[in-house]
Amino acid sequence: MEEIEKLGQDFGLRIKEFIESKNLSVNEFGNLLGQRRSEVLYNVIKGRSIPNMTLVFAIYRAFPSINMDYLITGRGDLTLFDGVNSNIPIQNGFEFKALYQESQKVIEEQQKMIQKLNALI
């Protein structure tokens, strides 16, 4: 049981690190997760309770740039994306998804243009 408690404490420290990296308060972070009260979140951060899957999924939905492997195990980097993308504030993943889809369309159009130009050569 001590190992599980240690994992919960480490998870809490990594959540705190992520919250601080986004310049958010715990209450602001909780609001982005859809939590009315941040008591559960405070308890996880303080290592008083072990995070449940509902909390883990809420974090992932609100911040898809977070590296869940890092959050749970401590392996890897805090975020999955380098540079600008890791600093985009994301709420429920919608802004990032729309930006990603639009970028994919632009890339596809550019690839078609390159194919047409190559055909002329």
N, C-alpha and C. Protein backbone atom coordinates (compact mmCIF):
# COMPACT_ATOMS: atom_id res chain seq x y z
N MET A 1 0.82 -1.20 0.00
CA MET A 1 0.00 0.00 0.00
C MET A 1 0.86 1.26 0.00
N GLU A 2 2.04 1.20 0.61
CA GLU A 2 2.93 2.35 0.64
C GLU A 2 3.34 2.78 -0.77
N GLU A 3 3.53 1.80 -1.67
CA GLU A 3 3.92 2.11 -3.04
C GLU A 3 2.83 2.92 -3.75
N ILE A 4 1.57 2.55 -3.54
CA ILE A 4 0.45 3.27 -4.15
C ILE A 4 0.37 4.68 -3.58
N GLU A 5 0.57 4.81 -2.28
CA GLU A 5 0.55 6.13 -1.67
C GLU A 5 1.68 7.00 -2.22
N LYS A 6 2.85 6.42 -2.43
CA LYS A 6 3.99 7.15 -3.01
C LYS A 6 3.66 7.60 -4.43
N LEU A 7 3.03 6.72 -5.23
CA LEU A 7 2.62 7.09 -6.59
C LEU A 7 1.64 8.25 -6.56
N GLY A 8 0.70 8.21 -5.62
CA GLY A 8 -0.28 9.30 -5.48
C GLY A 8 0.39 10.61 -5.11
N GLN A 9 1.38 10.56 -4.21
CA GLN A 9 2.10 11.78 -3.82
C GLN A 9 2.89 12.33 -4.99
N ASP A 10 3.56 11.45 -5.73
CA ASP A 10 4.34 11.89 -6.90
C ASP A 10 3.43 12.49 -7.96
N PHE A 11 2.26 11.86 -8.17
CA PHE A 11 1.27 12.39 -9.12
C PHE A 11 0.89 13.80 -8.71
N GLY A 12 0.63 13.98 -7.43
CA GLY A 12 0.25 15.30 -6.92
C GLY A 12 1.32 16.34 -7.16
N LEU A 13 2.58 15.97 -6.96
CA LEU A 13 3.68 16.91 -7.21
C LEU A 13 3.77 17.27 -8.69
N ARG A 14 3.54 16.29 -9.55
CA ARG A 14 3.61 16.55 -11.00
C ARG A 14 2.43 17.41 -11.45
N ILE A 15 1.26 17.20 -10.86
CA ILE A 15 0.10 18.05 -11.17
C ILE A 15 0.41 19.49 -10.75
N LYS A 16 0.98 19.64 -9.57
CA LYS A 16 1.35 20.97 -9.08
C LYS A 16 2.33 21.63 -10.05
N GLU A 17 3.31 20.86 -10.52
CA GLU A 17 4.29 21.38 -11.48
C GLU A 17 3.59 21.85 -12.76
N PHE A 18 2.63 21.06 -13.26
CA PHE A 18 1.92 21.42 -14.48
C PHE A 18 1.09 22.68 -14.26
N ILE A 19 0.38 22.76 -13.15
CA ILE A 19 -0.44 23.93 -12.84
C ILE A 19 0.43 25.18 -12.81
N GLU A 20 1.58 25.08 -12.15
CA GLU A 20 2.50 26.22 -12.07
C GLU A 20 3.05 26.59 -13.45
N SER A 21 3.31 25.58 -14.29
CA SER A 21 3.83 25.86 -15.63
C SER A 21 2.82 26.62 -16.49
N LYS A 22 1.55 26.49 -16.17
CA LYS A 22 0.49 27.19 -16.90
C LYS A 22 0.08 28.49 -16.22
N ASN A 23 0.78 28.83 -15.12
CA ASN A 23 0.49 30.05 -14.36
C ASN A 23 -0.98 30.10 -13.91
N LEU A 24 -1.47 28.97 -13.43
CA LEU A 24 -2.84 28.87 -12.94
C LEU A 24 -2.84 28.66 -11.44
N SER A 25 -3.92 29.05 -10.80
CA SER A 25 -4.13 28.67 -9.41
C SER A 25 -4.80 27.29 -9.42
N VAL A 26 -4.81 26.64 -8.28
CA VAL A 26 -5.47 25.33 -8.20
C VAL A 26 -6.95 25.47 -8.51
N ASN A 27 -7.56 26.55 -8.03
CA ASN A 27 -8.99 26.78 -8.32
C ASN A 27 -9.24 26.99 -9.81
N GLU A 28 -8.39 27.77 -10.47
CA GLU A 28 -8.54 27.99 -11.91
C GLU A 28 -8.38 26.66 -12.66
N PHE A 29 -7.38 25.89 -12.27
CA PHE A 29 -7.15 24.58 -12.88
C PHE A 29 -8.38 23.69 -12.68
N GLY A 30 -8.90 23.66 -11.46
CA GLY A 30 -10.09 22.86 -11.16
C GLY A 30 -11.29 23.29 -12.00
N ASN A 31 -11.44 24.60 -12.19
CA ASN A 31 -12.54 25.10 -13.02
C ASN A 31 -12.41 24.62 -14.46
N LEU A 32 -11.17 24.61 -14.99
CA LEU A 32 -10.96 24.13 -16.35
C LEU A 32 -11.26 22.64 -16.47
N LEU A 33 -11.15 21.93 -15.36
CA LEU A 33 -11.47 20.50 -15.36
C LEU A 33 -12.96 20.25 -15.14
N GLY A 34 -13.70 21.32 -14.87
CA GLY A 34 -15.14 21.17 -14.63
C GLY A 34 -15.47 20.83 -13.19
N GLN A 35 -14.54 21.06 -12.28
CA GLN A 35 -14.78 20.78 -10.87
C GLN A 35 -15.33 22.02 -10.19
N ARG A 36 -16.44 21.86 -9.51
CA ARG A 36 -17.03 22.99 -8.80
C ARG A 36 -16.21 23.36 -7.58
N ARG A 37 -15.72 22.33 -6.91
CA ARG A 37 -14.89 22.55 -5.72
C ARG A 37 -13.53 21.90 -5.98
N SER A 38 -12.50 22.54 -5.51
CA SER A 38 -11.15 22.03 -5.77
C SER A 38 -10.58 21.24 -4.61
N GLU A 39 -11.44 20.86 -3.65
CA GLU A 39 -10.97 20.12 -2.47
C GLU A 39 -10.29 18.81 -2.85
N VAL A 40 -10.87 18.07 -3.78
CA VAL A 40 -10.28 16.80 -4.22
C VAL A 40 -8.91 17.06 -4.83
N LEU A 41 -8.83 18.09 -5.65
CA LEU A 41 -7.57 18.44 -6.30
C LEU A 41 -6.52 18.85 -5.28
N TYR A 42 -6.90 19.65 -4.29
CA TYR A 42 -5.97 20.03 -3.22
C TYR A 42 -5.46 18.79 -2.48
N ASN A 43 -6.35 17.86 -2.20
CA ASN A 43 -5.95 16.64 -1.49
C ASN A 43 -4.98 15.80 -2.31
N VAL A 44 -5.18 15.73 -3.61
CA VAL A 44 -4.26 14.99 -4.48
C VAL A 44 -2.90 15.69 -4.50
N ILE A 45 -2.91 17.00 -4.66
CA ILE A 45 -1.66 17.76 -4.72
C ILE A 45 -0.88 17.63 -3.41
N LYS A 46 -1.58 17.63 -2.30
CA LYS A 46 -0.93 17.51 -1.00
C LYS A 46 -0.56 16.06 -0.67
N GLY A 47 -0.96 15.11 -1.52
CA GLY A 47 -0.64 13.71 -1.27
C GLY A 47 -1.54 13.04 -0.25
N ARG A 48 -2.66 13.68 0.06
CA ARG A 48 -3.60 13.12 1.04
C ARG A 48 -4.53 12.07 0.43
N SER A 49 -4.69 12.15 -0.89
CA SER A 49 -5.54 11.16 -1.55
C SER A 49 -4.93 10.78 -2.90
N ILE A 50 -5.32 9.63 -3.38
CA ILE A 50 -4.83 9.11 -4.65
C ILE A 50 -5.80 9.55 -5.73
N PRO A 51 -5.30 10.02 -6.87
CA PRO A 51 -6.21 10.48 -7.93
C PRO A 51 -7.02 9.31 -8.51
N ASN A 52 -8.26 9.60 -8.83
CA ASN A 52 -9.08 8.58 -9.48
C ASN A 52 -9.07 8.80 -10.99
N MET A 53 -9.60 7.85 -11.71
CA MET A 53 -9.58 7.91 -13.18
C MET A 53 -10.40 9.08 -13.71
N THR A 54 -11.44 9.47 -13.00
CA THR A 54 -12.25 10.62 -13.43
C THR A 54 -11.39 11.87 -13.48
N LEU A 55 -10.56 12.06 -12.47
CA LEU A 55 -9.67 13.22 -12.43
C LEU A 55 -8.63 13.13 -13.55
N VAL A 56 -8.04 11.97 -13.73
CA VAL A 56 -7.03 11.79 -14.77
C VAL A 56 -7.61 12.09 -16.15
N PHE A 57 -8.79 11.58 -16.44
CA PHE A 57 -9.42 11.84 -17.74
C PHE A 57 -9.81 13.31 -17.90
N ALA A 58 -10.25 13.93 -16.82
CA ALA A 58 -10.61 15.36 -16.88
C ALA A 58 -9.38 16.20 -17.21
N ILE A 59 -8.24 15.84 -16.64
CA ILE A 59 -6.99 16.56 -16.93
C ILE A 59 -6.62 16.37 -18.40
N TYR A 60 -6.72 15.16 -18.87
CA TYR A 60 -6.36 14.88 -20.27
C TYR A 60 -7.29 15.62 -21.24
N ARG A 61 -8.59 15.63 -20.95
CA ARG A 61 -9.53 16.32 -21.84
C ARG A 61 -9.27 17.82 -21.87
N ALA A 62 -8.96 18.40 -20.73
CA ALA A 62 -8.75 19.85 -20.65
C ALA A 62 -7.38 20.25 -21.19
N PHE A 63 -6.40 19.35 -21.06
CA PHE A 63 -5.02 19.68 -21.45
C PHE A 63 -4.41 18.52 -22.23
N PRO A 64 -4.79 18.35 -23.48
CA PRO A 64 -4.24 17.23 -24.25
C PRO A 64 -2.74 17.34 -24.52
N SER A 65 -2.16 18.50 -24.24
CA SER A 65 -0.71 18.63 -24.43
C SER A 65 0.09 18.02 -23.29
N ILE A 66 -0.58 17.67 -22.18
CA ILE A 66 0.15 17.08 -21.06
C ILE A 66 0.54 15.65 -21.40
N ASN A 67 1.73 15.29 -21.02
CA ASN A 67 2.22 13.92 -21.23
C ASN A 67 1.70 13.06 -20.09
N MET A 68 0.70 12.24 -20.36
CA MET A 68 0.09 11.42 -19.32
C MET A 68 1.08 10.41 -18.74
N ASP A 69 2.02 9.95 -19.55
CA ASP A 69 3.04 9.03 -19.04
C ASP A 69 3.86 9.74 -17.97
N TYR A 70 4.22 10.99 -18.23
CA TYR A 70 4.96 11.77 -17.23
C TYR A 70 4.11 11.98 -15.99
N LEU A 71 2.86 12.36 -16.19
CA LEU A 71 1.98 12.66 -15.08
C LEU A 71 1.84 11.45 -14.15
N ILE A 72 1.69 10.27 -14.73
CA ILE A 72 1.45 9.07 -13.93
C ILE A 72 2.74 8.44 -13.41
N THR A 73 3.77 8.37 -14.28
CA THR A 73 4.98 7.63 -13.90
C THR A 73 6.21 8.51 -13.67
N GLY A 74 6.18 9.73 -14.19
CA GLY A 74 7.34 10.59 -14.08
C GLY A 74 8.32 10.43 -15.24
N ARG A 75 8.00 9.57 -16.20
CA ARG A 75 8.89 9.35 -17.35
C ARG A 75 8.58 10.36 -18.46
N GLY A 76 9.64 10.87 -19.08
CA GLY A 76 9.47 11.77 -20.22
C GLY A 76 9.37 13.22 -19.80
N ASP A 77 8.85 14.03 -20.71
CA ASP A 77 8.70 15.46 -20.48
C ASP A 77 7.30 15.78 -19.98
N LEU A 78 7.16 16.95 -19.39
CA LEU A 78 5.88 17.38 -18.85
C LEU A 78 4.81 17.48 -19.93
N THR A 79 5.21 18.00 -21.11
CA THR A 79 4.24 18.13 -22.19
C THR A 79 4.70 17.34 -23.41
N LEU A 80 3.77 17.05 -24.30
CA LEU A 80 4.06 16.26 -25.49
C LEU A 80 4.60 17.09 -26.63
N PHE A 81 4.33 18.37 -26.63
CA PHE A 81 4.68 19.22 -27.76
C PHE A 81 5.79 20.17 -27.39
N ASP A 82 6.68 20.41 -28.32
CA ASP A 82 7.77 21.36 -28.11
C ASP A 82 7.34 22.75 -28.51
N GLY A 83 8.06 23.74 -28.05
CA GLY A 83 7.88 25.11 -28.52
C GLY A 83 6.54 25.71 -28.18
N VAL A 84 5.97 26.37 -29.14
CA VAL A 84 4.77 27.16 -28.93
C VAL A 84 3.58 26.32 -28.48
N ASN A 85 3.38 25.15 -29.09
CA ASN A 85 2.18 24.36 -28.82
C ASN A 85 2.02 23.99 -27.36
N SER A 86 3.12 23.74 -26.65
CA SER A 86 3.00 23.33 -25.26
C SER A 86 2.56 24.47 -24.36
N ASN A 87 2.62 25.71 -24.86
CA ASN A 87 2.23 26.86 -24.05
C ASN A 87 0.85 27.39 -24.38
N ILE A 88 0.16 26.77 -25.33
CA ILE A 88 -1.19 27.22 -25.69
C ILE A 88 -2.14 26.81 -24.59
N PRO A 89 -2.85 27.77 -23.97
CA PRO A 89 -3.83 27.37 -22.98
C PRO A 89 -4.99 26.68 -23.69
N ILE A 90 -5.34 25.52 -23.22
CA ILE A 90 -6.37 24.71 -23.88
C ILE A 90 -7.48 24.43 -22.89
N GLN A 91 -8.69 24.63 -23.32
CA GLN A 91 -9.83 24.31 -22.48
C GLN A 91 -10.65 23.26 -23.21
N ASN A 92 -10.77 22.10 -22.62
CA ASN A 92 -11.52 20.98 -23.18
C ASN A 92 -10.98 20.51 -24.52
N GLY A 93 -9.78 20.90 -24.89
CA GLY A 93 -9.14 20.42 -26.10
C GLY A 93 -9.68 20.98 -27.40
N PHE A 94 -10.69 21.84 -27.36
CA PHE A 94 -11.34 22.29 -28.59
C PHE A 94 -10.45 23.22 -29.40
N GLU A 95 -9.78 24.17 -28.76
CA GLU A 95 -8.94 25.10 -29.51
C GLU A 95 -7.83 24.36 -30.24
N PHE A 96 -7.19 23.44 -29.56
CA PHE A 96 -6.09 22.71 -30.17
C PHE A 96 -6.60 21.84 -31.31
N LYS A 97 -7.71 21.18 -31.11
CA LYS A 97 -8.24 20.30 -32.15
C LYS A 97 -8.57 21.10 -33.41
N ALA A 98 -9.20 22.24 -33.25
CA ALA A 98 -9.55 23.08 -34.41
C ALA A 98 -8.28 23.59 -35.09
N LEU A 99 -7.31 24.02 -34.31
CA LEU A 99 -6.05 24.50 -34.87
C LEU A 99 -5.34 23.38 -35.62
N TYR A 100 -5.33 22.21 -35.05
CA TYR A 100 -4.68 21.05 -35.69
C TYR A 100 -5.38 20.70 -37.01
N GLN A 101 -6.71 20.66 -37.01
CA GLN A 101 -7.45 20.31 -38.21
C GLN A 101 -7.22 21.35 -39.31
N GLU A 102 -7.21 22.61 -38.96
CA GLU A 102 -6.97 23.67 -39.95
C GLU A 102 -5.55 23.56 -40.51
N SER A 103 -4.60 23.27 -39.65
CA SER A 103 -3.21 23.11 -40.10
C SER A 103 -3.08 21.94 -41.06
N GLN A 104 -3.78 20.85 -40.78
CA GLN A 104 -3.74 19.68 -41.65
C GLN A 104 -4.28 20.02 -43.03
N LYS A 105 -5.34 20.81 -43.10
CA LYS A 105 -5.90 21.22 -44.39
C LYS A 105 -4.89 22.04 -45.18
N VAL A 106 -4.23 22.97 -44.51
CA VAL A 106 -3.23 23.81 -45.19
C VAL A 106 -2.09 22.94 -45.71
N ILE A 107 -1.64 22.01 -44.91
CA ILE A 107 -0.55 21.12 -45.33
C ILE A 107 -0.96 20.29 -46.54
N GLU A 108 -2.16 19.76 -46.53
CA GLU A 108 -2.65 18.96 -47.66
C GLU A 108 -2.71 19.81 -48.94
N GLU A 109 -3.18 21.04 -48.82
CA GLU A 109 -3.24 21.93 -49.99
C GLU A 109 -1.84 22.24 -50.52
N GLN A 110 -0.91 22.45 -49.60
CA GLN A 110 0.47 22.72 -50.03
C GLN A 110 1.09 21.50 -50.70
N GLN A 111 0.79 20.31 -50.20
CA GLN A 111 1.32 19.09 -50.81
C GLN A 111 0.76 18.90 -52.23
N LYS A 112 -0.52 19.21 -52.41
CA LYS A 112 -1.12 19.13 -53.75
C LYS A 112 -0.45 20.11 -54.71
N MET A 113 -0.19 21.32 -54.23
CA MET A 113 0.47 22.33 -55.05
C MET A 113 1.88 21.87 -55.43
N ILE A 114 2.59 21.28 -54.51
CA ILE A 114 3.95 20.78 -54.79
C ILE A 114 3.89 19.68 -55.84
N GLN A 115 2.91 18.79 -55.75
CA GLN A 115 2.76 17.72 -56.75
C GLN A 115 2.49 18.31 -58.13
N LYS A 116 1.65 19.33 -58.21
CA LYS A 116 1.35 19.96 -59.49
C LYS A 116 2.59 20.63 -60.06
N LEU A 117 3.35 21.29 -59.22
CA LEU A 117 4.57 21.96 -59.67
C LEU A 117 5.61 20.93 -60.13
N ASN A 118 5.72 19.83 -59.40
CA ASN A 118 6.66 18.77 -59.79
C ASN A 118 6.26 18.15 -61.12
N ALA A 119 4.99 18.07 -61.41
CA ALA A 119 4.52 17.51 -62.67
C ALA A 119 4.91 18.42 -63.84
N LEU A 120 5.06 19.70 -63.58
CA LEU A 120 5.44 20.65 -64.62
C LEU A 120 6.93 20.62 -64.94
N ILE A 121 7.70 20.10 -64.02
CA ILE A 121 9.16 20.09 -64.18
C ILE A 121 9.60 18.97 -65.11
